[in-house]
Amino acid sequence: MPETTDASADAITTMAAKRYPIAPGVRVNVRSGPGTIYEIVKILPLGASVPVNCQRRGETVTGPYGTSNIWDNIANGQYVSDTYVHTGSDGYVAAPCS
């Protein structure tokens, strides 16, 4: 059986994860960890949707969808506050990040 690399495993996980829309009219900072103290790695454009691969607790943030300490992992080393992602839930919609 062929060996799976981390990059291909990330691609498979991203393809399988359900995508959720970012709040309308907002460009969201994507951070390297679950809080605003972490480096901004990119900014999502208006109208973006993201996969939620896993979720973890982090800094409490207030955004268009309330106040929460849940951060969504959208790719390897990339997190956005769940308060900017329309998941339809105030709780977890994916497994906790390991």
Protein backbone atom coordinates (compact mmCIF):
# COMPACT_ATOMS: atom_id res chain seq x y z
CA MET A 1 0.00 0.00 0.00
CA PRO A 2 1.47 3.46 -0.87
CA GLU A 3 2.64 5.65 1.95
CA THR A 4 0.53 8.77 2.64
CA THR A 5 2.44 12.00 3.19
CA ASP A 6 1.29 14.70 5.60
CA ALA A 7 0.43 16.97 2.66
CA SER A 8 -1.76 14.37 0.97
CA ALA A 9 -3.41 13.51 4.31
CA ASP A 10 -4.22 17.21 4.79
CA ALA A 11 -5.68 17.35 1.27
CA ILE A 12 -7.86 14.30 1.94
CA THR A 13 -9.08 15.76 5.25
CA THR A 14 -9.84 19.13 3.61
CA MET A 15 -11.74 17.48 0.75
CA ALA A 16 -13.86 15.43 3.16
CA ALA A 17 -14.70 18.30 5.54
CA LYS A 18 -17.96 20.19 5.09
CA ARG A 19 -17.50 23.81 4.04
CA TYR A 20 -19.10 26.69 5.94
CA PRO A 21 -19.54 30.32 4.83
CA ILE A 22 -17.68 33.19 6.46
CA ALA A 23 -19.88 36.05 7.74
CA PRO A 24 -21.02 38.26 4.84
CA GLY A 25 -19.07 41.46 4.28
CA VAL A 26 -16.14 40.36 6.44
CA ARG A 27 -12.52 39.62 5.56
CA VAL A 28 -11.32 37.24 8.25
CA ASN A 29 -7.77 36.96 9.55
CA VAL A 30 -6.47 33.40 9.45
CA ARG A 31 -4.05 32.81 12.32
CA SER A 32 -1.36 30.24 13.03
CA GLY A 33 -3.04 29.28 16.33
CA PRO A 34 -6.30 29.68 18.27
CA GLY A 35 -6.04 33.33 19.34
CA THR A 36 -5.33 36.88 18.21
CA ILE A 37 -1.80 36.69 19.65
CA TYR A 38 -0.90 34.25 16.87
CA GLU A 39 0.57 35.41 13.56
CA ILE A 40 -1.80 36.25 10.69
CA VAL A 41 -0.96 33.78 7.93
CA LYS A 42 -3.51 35.07 5.40
CA ILE A 43 -6.77 37.00 5.09
CA LEU A 44 -9.87 35.33 3.68
CA PRO A 45 -11.61 37.26 0.90
CA LEU A 46 -15.22 38.41 1.03
CA GLY A 47 -17.64 35.57 0.34
CA ALA A 48 -15.20 32.82 1.34
CA SER A 49 -16.23 29.45 2.69
CA VAL A 50 -13.97 27.19 4.70
CA PRO A 51 -13.70 23.56 5.76
CA VAL A 52 -13.75 22.89 9.49
CA ASN A 53 -11.28 20.02 9.88
CA CYS A 54 -11.29 20.11 13.68
CA GLN A 55 -11.89 22.64 16.47
CA ARG A 56 -10.05 23.70 19.62
CA ARG A 57 -10.52 26.03 22.54
CA GLY A 58 -8.54 29.24 22.52
CA GLU A 59 -8.96 32.96 23.13
CA THR A 60 -12.54 34.17 23.59
CA VAL A 61 -13.56 36.40 20.68
CA THR A 62 -16.74 38.28 19.77
CA GLY A 63 -17.79 38.33 16.13
CA PRO A 64 -20.89 38.42 13.92
CA TYR A 65 -22.08 35.05 15.26
CA GLY A 66 -21.66 35.74 18.98
CA THR A 67 -18.92 35.25 21.56
CA SER A 68 -16.95 32.01 21.75
CA ASN A 69 -13.59 30.47 22.57
CA ILE A 70 -13.92 27.88 19.79
CA TRP A 71 -11.44 28.17 16.92
CA ASP A 72 -11.84 26.30 13.64
CA ASN A 73 -8.88 24.61 11.98
CA ILE A 74 -9.30 25.26 8.25
CA ALA A 75 -5.92 23.87 7.11
CA ASN A 76 -2.62 22.77 8.62
CA GLY A 77 -1.58 25.58 11.00
CA GLN A 78 -4.53 27.81 10.04
CA TYR A 79 -7.29 28.86 12.47
CA VAL A 80 -10.24 31.24 12.37
CA SER A 81 -12.55 32.18 15.23
CA ASP A 82 -15.80 30.21 15.06
CA THR A 83 -17.62 33.52 15.67
CA TYR A 84 -16.93 34.43 12.02
CA VAL A 85 -17.99 31.06 10.54
CA HIS A 86 -21.69 30.26 9.99
CA THR A 87 -21.80 26.67 11.26
CA GLY A 88 -25.38 26.89 12.52
CA SER A 89 -24.25 25.94 16.02
CA ASP A 90 -22.85 27.66 19.11
CA GLY A 91 -20.92 24.48 19.91
CA TYR A 92 -18.62 22.04 18.19
CA VAL A 93 -19.44 20.84 14.67
CA ALA A 94 -16.20 18.86 14.21
CA ALA A 95 -13.94 16.70 16.34
CA PRO A 96 -11.50 18.37 18.75
CA CYS A 97 -8.04 18.97 17.26
CA SER A 98 -5.43 16.62 18.58
